[in-house]
N, C-alpha and C. Protein backbone atom coordinates (compact mmCIF):
# COMPACT_ATOMS: atom_id res chain seq x y z
N UNK A 1 28.15 10.14 16.43
CA UNK A 1 26.90 9.65 16.98
C UNK A 1 27.12 9.07 18.37
N UNK A 2 28.35 8.67 18.66
CA UNK A 2 28.63 8.18 20.01
C UNK A 2 28.35 9.26 21.04
N UNK A 3 28.76 10.50 20.74
CA UNK A 3 28.50 11.61 21.66
C UNK A 3 27.00 11.80 21.85
N UNK A 4 26.24 11.76 20.76
CA UNK A 4 24.80 11.93 20.86
C UNK A 4 24.19 10.86 21.76
N UNK A 5 24.61 9.64 21.61
CA UNK A 5 24.04 8.55 22.39
C UNK A 5 24.35 8.65 23.88
N UNK A 6 25.31 9.46 24.25
CA UNK A 6 25.66 9.65 25.65
C UNK A 6 24.82 10.75 26.33
N UNK A 7 24.07 11.50 25.54
CA UNK A 7 23.23 12.56 26.10
C UNK A 7 21.97 11.93 26.68
N UNK A 8 21.85 11.99 28.00
CA UNK A 8 20.68 11.39 28.64
C UNK A 8 19.99 12.33 29.62
N UNK A 9 20.60 13.47 29.88
CA UNK A 9 20.06 14.37 30.90
C UNK A 9 19.17 15.48 30.34
N UNK A 10 19.15 15.67 29.03
CA UNK A 10 18.31 16.68 28.39
C UNK A 10 17.72 16.09 27.11
N UNK A 11 16.61 16.65 26.61
CA UNK A 11 16.06 16.18 25.34
C UNK A 11 17.03 16.47 24.20
N UNK A 12 17.18 15.52 23.30
CA UNK A 12 18.08 15.71 22.15
C UNK A 12 17.63 14.86 20.98
N UNK A 13 17.90 15.37 19.79
CA UNK A 13 17.68 14.58 18.58
C UNK A 13 18.85 14.83 17.64
N UNK A 14 19.10 13.88 16.78
CA UNK A 14 20.14 14.00 15.76
C UNK A 14 19.47 13.79 14.41
N UNK A 15 19.43 14.84 13.62
CA UNK A 15 18.87 14.78 12.28
C UNK A 15 20.04 14.81 11.29
N UNK A 16 20.07 13.84 10.40
CA UNK A 16 21.19 13.73 9.46
C UNK A 16 20.70 13.68 8.02
N UNK A 17 21.45 14.35 7.15
CA UNK A 17 21.20 14.38 5.72
C UNK A 17 22.55 14.15 5.06
N UNK A 18 22.67 13.21 4.15
CA UNK A 18 23.98 12.77 3.64
C UNK A 18 24.63 13.70 2.62
N UNK A 19 25.02 14.90 3.08
CA UNK A 19 25.69 15.83 2.16
C UNK A 19 27.02 16.35 2.69
N UNK A 20 27.43 15.93 3.85
CA UNK A 20 28.69 16.40 4.40
C UNK A 20 28.50 17.57 5.35
N UNK A 21 29.61 18.00 5.92
CA UNK A 21 29.60 18.98 7.00
C UNK A 21 29.04 20.33 6.58
N UNK A 22 29.26 20.74 5.35
CA UNK A 22 28.80 22.05 4.90
C UNK A 22 27.30 22.14 4.68
N UNK A 23 26.64 21.01 4.71
CA UNK A 23 25.19 21.01 4.53
C UNK A 23 24.77 21.48 3.16
N UNK A 24 23.60 22.08 3.10
CA UNK A 24 23.06 22.57 1.83
C UNK A 24 22.91 24.09 1.84
N UNK A 25 23.51 24.74 2.80
CA UNK A 25 23.33 26.19 2.94
C UNK A 25 23.88 26.97 1.74
N UNK A 26 24.75 26.37 0.93
CA UNK A 26 25.29 27.04 -0.24
C UNK A 26 24.30 27.03 -1.40
N UNK A 27 23.26 26.22 -1.30
CA UNK A 27 22.24 26.13 -2.34
C UNK A 27 21.28 27.32 -2.22
N UNK A 28 20.52 27.60 -3.29
CA UNK A 28 19.57 28.71 -3.20
C UNK A 28 18.64 28.56 -1.99
N UNK A 29 18.48 29.64 -1.26
CA UNK A 29 17.63 29.70 -0.06
C UNK A 29 18.05 28.71 1.02
N UNK A 30 19.28 28.24 0.97
CA UNK A 30 19.81 27.36 2.00
C UNK A 30 19.52 25.88 1.81
N UNK A 31 18.78 25.55 0.77
CA UNK A 31 18.51 24.14 0.46
C UNK A 31 17.74 23.42 1.55
N UNK A 32 17.88 22.12 1.55
CA UNK A 32 17.13 21.22 2.44
C UNK A 32 17.41 21.48 3.92
N UNK A 33 18.63 21.86 4.27
CA UNK A 33 18.94 22.13 5.68
C UNK A 33 18.08 23.27 6.23
N UNK A 34 17.84 24.27 5.42
CA UNK A 34 17.07 25.42 5.88
C UNK A 34 15.64 25.04 6.22
N UNK A 35 15.05 24.14 5.44
CA UNK A 35 13.68 23.69 5.72
C UNK A 35 13.59 23.14 7.15
N UNK A 36 14.54 22.30 7.49
CA UNK A 36 14.53 21.65 8.81
C UNK A 36 14.91 22.65 9.91
N UNK A 37 15.92 23.45 9.67
CA UNK A 37 16.35 24.44 10.67
C UNK A 37 15.23 25.42 10.99
N UNK A 38 14.54 25.89 9.98
CA UNK A 38 13.45 26.84 10.23
C UNK A 38 12.29 26.19 10.97
N UNK A 39 12.00 24.94 10.65
CA UNK A 39 10.94 24.23 11.39
C UNK A 39 11.32 24.12 12.86
N UNK A 40 12.57 23.78 13.14
CA UNK A 40 13.03 23.67 14.53
C UNK A 40 12.87 25.00 15.26
N UNK A 41 13.32 26.07 14.63
CA UNK A 41 13.23 27.39 15.28
C UNK A 41 11.78 27.82 15.46
N UNK A 42 10.94 27.59 14.47
CA UNK A 42 9.53 27.95 14.60
C UNK A 42 8.88 27.20 15.77
N UNK A 43 9.23 25.93 15.91
CA UNK A 43 8.68 25.12 17.00
C UNK A 43 9.21 25.57 18.35
N UNK A 44 10.52 25.63 18.48
CA UNK A 44 11.13 25.89 19.78
C UNK A 44 11.02 27.34 20.23
N UNK A 45 11.07 28.28 19.30
CA UNK A 45 11.04 29.69 19.70
C UNK A 45 9.65 30.31 19.66
N UNK A 46 8.78 29.75 18.80
CA UNK A 46 7.46 30.35 18.64
C UNK A 46 6.31 29.42 19.01
N UNK A 47 6.64 28.16 19.39
CA UNK A 47 5.61 27.22 19.79
C UNK A 47 4.70 26.77 18.65
N UNK A 48 5.19 26.83 17.42
CA UNK A 48 4.40 26.50 16.23
C UNK A 48 4.13 24.99 16.18
N UNK A 49 2.87 24.61 16.39
CA UNK A 49 2.50 23.18 16.42
C UNK A 49 2.67 22.52 15.05
N UNK A 50 2.45 23.25 13.97
CA UNK A 50 2.64 22.69 12.63
C UNK A 50 4.12 22.36 12.40
N UNK A 51 5.00 23.26 12.81
CA UNK A 51 6.43 23.03 12.68
C UNK A 51 6.89 21.86 13.55
N UNK A 52 6.25 21.67 14.71
CA UNK A 52 6.61 20.57 15.61
C UNK A 52 6.42 19.22 14.94
N UNK A 53 5.48 19.12 14.02
CA UNK A 53 5.21 17.85 13.34
C UNK A 53 6.42 17.35 12.55
N UNK A 54 7.35 18.25 12.24
CA UNK A 54 8.57 17.85 11.54
C UNK A 54 9.39 16.90 12.42
N UNK A 55 9.26 17.01 13.75
CA UNK A 55 10.12 16.28 14.68
C UNK A 55 9.39 15.34 15.64
N UNK A 56 8.13 15.60 15.92
CA UNK A 56 7.41 14.88 16.96
C UNK A 56 6.73 13.62 16.43
N UNK A 57 6.84 12.56 17.22
CA UNK A 57 6.18 11.30 16.89
C UNK A 57 7.07 10.33 16.14
N UNK A 58 6.66 9.06 16.16
CA UNK A 58 7.44 8.03 15.47
C UNK A 58 7.40 8.20 13.96
N UNK A 59 6.32 8.80 13.47
CA UNK A 59 6.14 8.99 12.03
C UNK A 59 6.23 10.49 11.70
N UNK A 60 7.23 11.16 12.29
CA UNK A 60 7.36 12.60 12.10
C UNK A 60 7.64 12.94 10.63
N UNK A 61 7.36 14.18 10.27
CA UNK A 61 7.55 14.61 8.88
C UNK A 61 8.99 14.48 8.41
N UNK A 62 9.94 14.69 9.30
CA UNK A 62 11.34 14.58 8.90
C UNK A 62 11.67 13.16 8.45
N UNK A 63 11.10 12.17 9.09
CA UNK A 63 11.37 10.78 8.70
C UNK A 63 10.80 10.45 7.33
N UNK A 64 9.89 11.29 6.84
CA UNK A 64 9.30 11.09 5.52
C UNK A 64 10.03 11.83 4.42
N UNK A 65 10.92 12.75 4.78
CA UNK A 65 11.66 13.51 3.78
C UNK A 65 12.78 12.64 3.21
N UNK A 66 12.96 12.72 1.92
CA UNK A 66 13.95 11.90 1.23
C UNK A 66 15.35 12.08 1.82
N UNK A 67 15.98 10.96 2.14
CA UNK A 67 17.38 10.86 2.60
C UNK A 67 17.64 11.33 4.03
N UNK A 68 16.65 11.85 4.75
CA UNK A 68 16.87 12.27 6.12
C UNK A 68 16.74 11.08 7.07
N UNK A 69 17.51 11.11 8.14
CA UNK A 69 17.32 10.19 9.26
C UNK A 69 17.24 11.02 10.53
N UNK A 70 16.53 10.50 11.50
CA UNK A 70 16.41 11.20 12.78
C UNK A 70 16.45 10.19 13.90
N UNK A 71 17.22 10.51 14.93
CA UNK A 71 17.28 9.70 16.15
C UNK A 71 16.95 10.62 17.31
N UNK A 72 16.19 10.11 18.25
CA UNK A 72 15.78 10.90 19.41
C UNK A 72 16.15 10.14 20.68
N UNK A 73 16.57 10.89 21.70
CA UNK A 73 16.84 10.22 22.97
C UNK A 73 15.55 10.06 23.77
N UNK A 74 15.63 9.39 24.89
CA UNK A 74 14.45 9.06 25.70
C UNK A 74 13.73 10.32 26.22
N UNK A 75 14.44 11.41 26.42
CA UNK A 75 13.83 12.63 26.96
C UNK A 75 13.24 13.53 25.88
N UNK A 76 13.44 13.19 24.62
CA UNK A 76 12.98 14.06 23.54
C UNK A 76 11.48 14.31 23.60
N UNK A 77 10.72 13.31 24.00
CA UNK A 77 9.27 13.45 24.04
C UNK A 77 8.79 14.46 25.08
N UNK A 78 9.68 14.94 25.95
CA UNK A 78 9.29 15.92 26.95
C UNK A 78 9.24 17.34 26.37
N UNK A 79 9.77 17.53 25.16
CA UNK A 79 9.72 18.85 24.52
C UNK A 79 8.28 19.19 24.16
N UNK A 80 7.93 20.40 24.33
CA UNK A 80 6.56 20.87 24.01
C UNK A 80 6.58 21.82 22.86
């Protein structure tokens, strides 16, 4: 997280789920990690406003998902 906190020149966020480095991709359909990864890709690559709600705002959908934490740097709000 020290590295993440040093990123100040571009928008960045750190989403964490307490399962270790391998994530949940070994679970059927990729598990919980896939839900978040697909939302990110839908937002960033396709401009999907519904998917953006997973990450945007102080009360974003990711912060409501069980066991997830999210930290955003000061430039994160510049993402569209």
